[in-house]
Amino acid sequence: MKWAWAVCLWMWIACAPAHAGTVRLSTEDGKNLSGQSYGTGEKGVLLVHGSGRTGSDWEAFGARLGGNGFRVLAVDLRGHGGSKAAASELTPEDFLAMNLDLDAGVAWLKKQGVTSVAVVGTQLGANLALLVASQNSDIHNVVLISPGLNIDGIKVSGPLGTYKGPMLVVANGGNLAGAKAATLISGKAAGESTLEIVKAEGDGYQLVNTAPELDVTLVGWLNGAHGDLSERAERNLDAAQVEEIETTGVRYEDRN
């Protein structure tokens, strides 16, 4: 079985990437968004970038997924990239409304005929992925890359108690605070959760693009191999360290 799995992974990495196509979306509150689509598969994946970034962060990864059986949409959140209106500045209310951007992306994927939807997000996108998954029954799987307890007003405390689907939490082991936060988030999950601590050159989109082994982990997870990820000694941090996380002066249990 090991050789068959290795062959599958080699074929996935070696396959030619799918070409991107521009997608235009409209949100429930009337915002016009831009995105890039890849592939034509029945498994849908929505890719969500972090604050100040764009969907182009996912270009290489989205193309690889699209060339290997996934229908992928990398959306530009409102106020970012092709979704940025002229002379507009993001407000706290804009960040709180970004869940509607993800809902629009999920709806587009469903219209393309996908049978399941996973959402993969980095940093702000990770927090949004968890929030929307806790509210949108069309989402069956989430991957949180470099999530935080509170990013731009998007908090994980509420959604963690509501979302009961599978969740993969990924963090850079070189960022102790980020790894602690990811460990806490994974440990507080209401459903199945796997924590993956990797060594990389940075967080968020940098982690995706500089940790080659993460490609294998992510595609395995998106293909349903939730219980087959290899165990790593550094994956789980000491529980006492996790309980010491303080970013706002209030422990996790007291954050709303």
Protein backbone atom coordinates (compact mmCIF):
# COMPACT_ATOMS: atom_id res chain seq x y z
CA MET A 1 0.00 0.00 0.00
CA LYS A 2 2.87 2.37 0.78
CA TRP A 3 4.21 2.18 -2.76
CA ALA A 4 0.76 2.86 -4.21
CA TRP A 5 0.37 5.94 -1.99
CA ALA A 6 3.83 7.14 -3.00
CA VAL A 7 2.98 6.72 -6.69
CA CYS A 8 -0.25 8.69 -6.22
CA LEU A 9 1.60 11.51 -4.53
CA TRP A 10 4.24 11.60 -7.25
CA MET A 11 1.55 11.71 -9.93
CA TRP A 12 -0.23 14.56 -8.09
CA ILE A 13 2.91 16.67 -7.84
CA ALA A 14 4.04 15.90 -11.38
CA CYS A 15 0.75 16.59 -13.15
CA ALA A 16 0.52 19.72 -15.27
CA PRO A 17 -1.28 22.54 -13.44
CA ALA A 18 -4.69 23.71 -14.57
CA HIS A 19 -5.04 27.12 -16.18
CA ALA A 20 -6.85 29.83 -14.23
CA GLY A 21 -10.01 31.62 -15.25
CA THR A 22 -11.35 34.89 -13.88
CA VAL A 23 -14.56 34.69 -11.86
CA ARG A 24 -16.85 37.57 -10.88
CA LEU A 25 -18.95 37.24 -7.75
CA SER A 26 -21.66 39.30 -6.06
CA THR A 27 -22.22 39.13 -2.32
CA GLU A 28 -25.48 39.30 -0.42
CA ASP A 29 -24.70 42.88 0.60
CA GLY A 30 -23.99 43.99 -2.96
CA LYS A 31 -20.19 43.86 -3.11
CA ASN A 32 -18.52 42.85 -6.37
CA LEU A 33 -15.65 40.40 -5.96
CA SER A 34 -13.01 38.90 -8.21
CA GLY A 35 -11.48 35.44 -8.08
CA GLN A 36 -9.52 32.87 -10.02
CA SER A 37 -10.81 29.38 -10.75
CA TYR A 38 -8.84 26.23 -11.44
CA GLY A 39 -9.90 22.76 -12.51
CA THR A 40 -13.23 21.07 -13.15
CA GLY A 41 -13.46 18.35 -10.51
CA GLU A 42 -16.40 17.42 -8.29
CA LYS A 43 -14.55 18.28 -5.07
CA GLY A 44 -14.74 22.01 -4.43
CA VAL A 45 -12.05 23.99 -2.62
CA LEU A 46 -12.34 27.66 -1.68
CA LEU A 47 -8.98 29.33 -0.99
CA VAL A 48 -9.00 32.44 1.21
CA HIS A 49 -6.01 34.76 1.66
CA GLY A 50 -4.91 36.81 4.65
CA SER A 51 -5.30 40.51 5.41
CA GLY A 52 -3.48 42.74 2.94
CA ARG A 53 -2.88 39.84 0.56
CA THR A 54 -4.75 38.62 -2.55
CA GLY A 55 -5.93 35.40 -4.11
CA SER A 56 -2.73 35.31 -6.17
CA ASP A 57 -1.01 33.89 -3.08
CA TRP A 58 -2.70 30.62 -4.04
CA GLU A 59 -1.73 30.61 -7.72
CA ALA A 60 0.71 27.70 -7.63
CA PHE A 61 -1.20 25.61 -5.11
CA GLY A 62 -4.59 26.31 -6.70
CA ALA A 63 -3.28 25.32 -10.12
CA ARG A 64 -1.88 22.05 -8.78
CA LEU A 65 -5.17 21.21 -7.10
CA GLY A 66 -7.10 22.15 -10.23
CA GLY A 67 -4.94 19.85 -12.33
CA ASN A 68 -5.63 16.93 -10.06
CA GLY A 69 -9.37 16.56 -9.75
CA PHE A 70 -10.46 19.59 -7.72
CA ARG A 71 -12.57 22.58 -8.74
CA VAL A 72 -10.87 25.48 -7.01
CA LEU A 73 -11.77 29.11 -6.41
CA ALA A 74 -9.25 31.59 -4.97
CA VAL A 75 -11.25 34.66 -4.03
CA ASP A 76 -10.07 38.24 -3.50
CA LEU A 77 -11.77 39.41 -0.31
CA ARG A 78 -13.50 42.80 -0.41
CA GLY A 79 -10.99 45.61 -0.34
CA HIS A 80 -8.23 43.36 -1.71
CA GLY A 81 -6.82 42.73 -5.17
CA GLY A 82 -9.42 42.71 -7.92
CA SER A 83 -12.17 43.23 -5.33
CA LYS A 84 -10.87 46.62 -4.21
CA ALA A 85 -13.07 49.57 -5.08
CA ALA A 86 -11.39 52.85 -6.05
CA ALA A 87 -10.24 54.99 -3.12
CA SER A 88 -11.86 52.66 -0.58
CA GLU A 89 -10.47 51.96 2.88
CA LEU A 90 -11.44 48.93 4.90
CA THR A 91 -13.35 49.52 8.10
CA PRO A 92 -13.92 47.17 11.05
CA GLU A 93 -17.41 46.59 9.65
CA ASP A 94 -15.88 45.47 6.33
CA PHE A 95 -13.88 42.74 8.06
CA LEU A 96 -16.93 41.57 9.97
CA ALA A 97 -18.86 41.32 6.68
CA MET A 98 -16.23 39.21 4.90
CA ASN A 99 -18.14 36.07 5.83
CA LEU A 100 -20.44 37.09 2.97
CA ASP A 101 -17.47 36.96 0.58
CA LEU A 102 -16.87 33.32 1.51
CA ASP A 103 -20.57 32.53 1.23
CA ALA A 104 -20.50 33.92 -2.33
CA GLY A 105 -17.50 31.74 -3.15
CA VAL A 106 -19.14 28.62 -1.75
CA ALA A 107 -22.34 29.36 -3.68
CA TRP A 108 -20.34 29.70 -6.92
CA LEU A 109 -18.66 26.34 -6.35
CA LYS A 110 -22.01 24.68 -5.68
CA LYS A 111 -23.39 26.12 -8.91
CA GLN A 112 -20.53 24.42 -10.75
CA GLY A 113 -21.84 21.08 -9.56
CA VAL A 114 -19.33 20.20 -6.84
CA THR A 115 -20.44 17.51 -4.39
CA SER A 116 -18.49 18.80 -1.40
CA VAL A 117 -16.78 22.04 -0.39
CA ALA A 118 -13.63 22.53 1.69
CA VAL A 119 -12.33 25.94 2.70
CA VAL A 120 -8.60 26.56 3.11
CA GLY A 121 -7.54 29.88 4.62
CA THR A 122 -4.40 31.62 5.81
CA GLN A 123 -4.35 33.93 8.85
CA LEU A 124 -7.43 36.19 8.49
CA GLY A 125 -8.67 33.74 5.85
CA ALA A 126 -8.28 30.89 8.33
CA ASN A 127 -10.40 32.63 10.94
CA LEU A 128 -13.01 33.45 8.30
CA ALA A 129 -13.00 29.84 7.10
CA LEU A 130 -13.86 28.58 10.57
CA LEU A 131 -16.50 31.28 11.09
CA VAL A 132 -18.30 30.57 7.83
CA ALA A 133 -18.02 26.78 8.23
CA SER A 134 -19.83 27.13 11.56
CA GLN A 135 -22.71 28.87 9.76
CA ASN A 136 -22.82 27.35 6.26
CA SER A 137 -23.90 23.71 5.99
CA ASP A 138 -22.44 23.44 2.46
CA ILE A 139 -18.93 23.45 3.96
CA HIS A 140 -17.77 20.01 5.06
CA ASN A 141 -14.06 20.49 5.73
CA VAL A 142 -11.72 23.32 6.74
CA VAL A 143 -7.97 23.90 6.77
CA LEU A 144 -6.71 26.70 9.00
CA ILE A 145 -3.17 27.85 8.18
CA SER A 146 -1.62 30.22 10.73
CA PRO A 147 -4.94 31.04 12.43
CA GLY A 148 -5.15 33.40 15.40
CA LEU A 149 -7.49 33.80 18.32
CA ASN A 150 -8.59 37.21 17.02
CA ILE A 151 -7.52 38.57 13.63
CA ASP A 152 -9.01 41.87 12.46
CA GLY A 153 -11.99 41.33 14.74
CA ILE A 154 -12.70 37.80 13.48
CA LYS A 155 -12.56 35.62 16.59
CA VAL A 156 -12.45 31.82 16.77
CA SER A 157 -13.96 31.33 20.24
CA GLY A 158 -17.59 31.18 19.09
CA PRO A 159 -17.17 29.17 15.85
CA LEU A 160 -14.99 26.57 17.60
CA GLY A 161 -17.94 25.50 19.69
CA THR A 162 -20.29 25.29 16.71
CA TYR A 163 -18.38 23.78 13.79
CA LYS A 164 -18.27 19.99 14.19
CA GLY A 165 -16.76 18.95 10.87
CA PRO A 166 -13.14 17.86 10.22
CA MET A 167 -10.51 20.56 10.72
CA LEU A 168 -6.80 20.63 9.94
CA VAL A 169 -4.82 23.32 11.77
CA VAL A 170 -1.36 24.18 10.42
CA ALA A 171 1.27 26.43 11.95
CA ASN A 172 4.96 27.27 11.65
CA GLY A 173 6.93 25.74 14.50
CA GLY A 174 9.40 28.60 14.25
CA ASN A 175 6.71 31.03 15.42
CA LEU A 176 6.11 29.93 19.00
CA ALA A 177 3.16 32.25 19.63
CA GLY A 178 1.49 31.16 16.39
CA ALA A 179 2.13 27.49 17.11
CA LYS A 180 0.70 27.87 20.61
CA ALA A 181 -2.42 29.55 19.26
CA ALA A 182 -2.87 26.80 16.65
CA THR A 183 -2.44 24.13 19.33
CA LEU A 184 -5.07 25.77 21.49
CA ILE A 185 -7.48 26.15 18.58
CA SER A 186 -7.08 22.52 17.56
CA GLY A 187 -7.53 21.35 21.13
CA LYS A 188 -10.76 23.34 21.54
CA ALA A 189 -12.37 21.98 18.34
CA ALA A 190 -15.86 20.54 18.77
CA GLY A 191 -15.26 17.96 16.04
CA GLU A 192 -12.37 16.00 14.52
CA SER A 193 -9.20 18.10 14.50
CA THR A 194 -5.62 17.44 13.44
CA LEU A 195 -2.72 19.72 14.27
CA GLU A 196 0.26 19.95 11.92
CA ILE A 197 3.32 21.92 12.99
CA VAL A 198 5.82 22.36 10.14
CA LYS A 199 9.13 24.09 9.66
CA ALA A 200 8.92 26.95 7.18
CA GLU A 201 10.28 30.38 6.36
CA GLY A 202 7.21 32.29 7.45
CA ASP A 203 3.51 32.19 8.25
CA GLY A 204 0.32 32.15 6.22
CA TYR A 205 0.92 32.23 2.48
CA GLN A 206 4.69 32.04 3.07
CA LEU A 207 4.20 28.79 4.92
CA VAL A 208 2.20 27.34 2.03
CA ASN A 209 4.86 28.29 -0.50
CA THR A 210 8.01 27.39 1.46
CA ALA A 211 7.14 24.07 3.12
CA PRO A 212 7.11 21.45 0.33
CA GLU A 213 5.92 18.67 2.65
CA LEU A 214 2.78 20.68 3.33
CA ASP A 215 1.57 20.06 -0.22
CA VAL A 216 1.39 16.33 0.51
CA THR A 217 -0.38 16.91 3.82
CA LEU A 218 -2.96 19.28 2.34
CA VAL A 219 -3.88 17.19 -0.68
CA GLY A 220 -4.13 14.08 1.50
CA TRP A 221 -6.45 15.91 3.87
CA LEU A 222 -8.60 17.32 1.07
CA ASN A 223 -8.87 13.81 -0.39
CA GLY A 224 -10.25 12.54 2.91
CA ALA A 225 -7.12 11.03 4.51
CA HIS A 226 -7.97 12.59 7.86
CA GLY A 227 -6.79 9.69 9.97
CA ASP A 228 -3.71 8.82 7.93
CA LEU A 229 -1.47 11.85 8.48
CA SER A 230 1.90 10.88 9.90
CA GLU A 231 2.55 11.61 13.56
CA ARG A 232 5.32 14.08 14.39
CA ALA A 233 6.87 14.61 17.76
CA GLU A 234 6.74 18.37 17.46
CA ARG A 235 3.04 18.47 16.56
CA ASN A 236 1.67 18.89 20.07
CA LEU A 237 3.11 21.52 22.38
CA ASP A 238 3.10 21.32 26.15
CA ALA A 239 -0.41 21.96 27.52
CA ALA A 240 0.91 24.26 30.22
CA GLN A 241 2.54 26.46 27.59
CA VAL A 242 -0.71 26.62 25.64
CA GLU A 243 -2.66 27.82 28.67
CA GLU A 244 -0.20 30.72 29.02
CA ILE A 245 -1.14 32.31 25.69
CA GLU A 246 -1.89 35.97 26.28
CA THR A 247 -2.40 38.34 23.36
CA THR A 248 -5.09 40.62 24.76
CA GLY A 249 -4.62 40.20 28.50
CA VAL A 250 -7.54 37.75 28.68
CA ARG A 251 -7.35 33.96 28.54
CA TYR A 252 -9.13 32.10 25.72
CA GLU A 253 -12.06 31.00 27.89
CA ASP A 254 -12.90 34.63 28.69
CA ARG A 255 -12.78 35.94 25.11
CA ASN A 256 -16.02 36.66 23.29
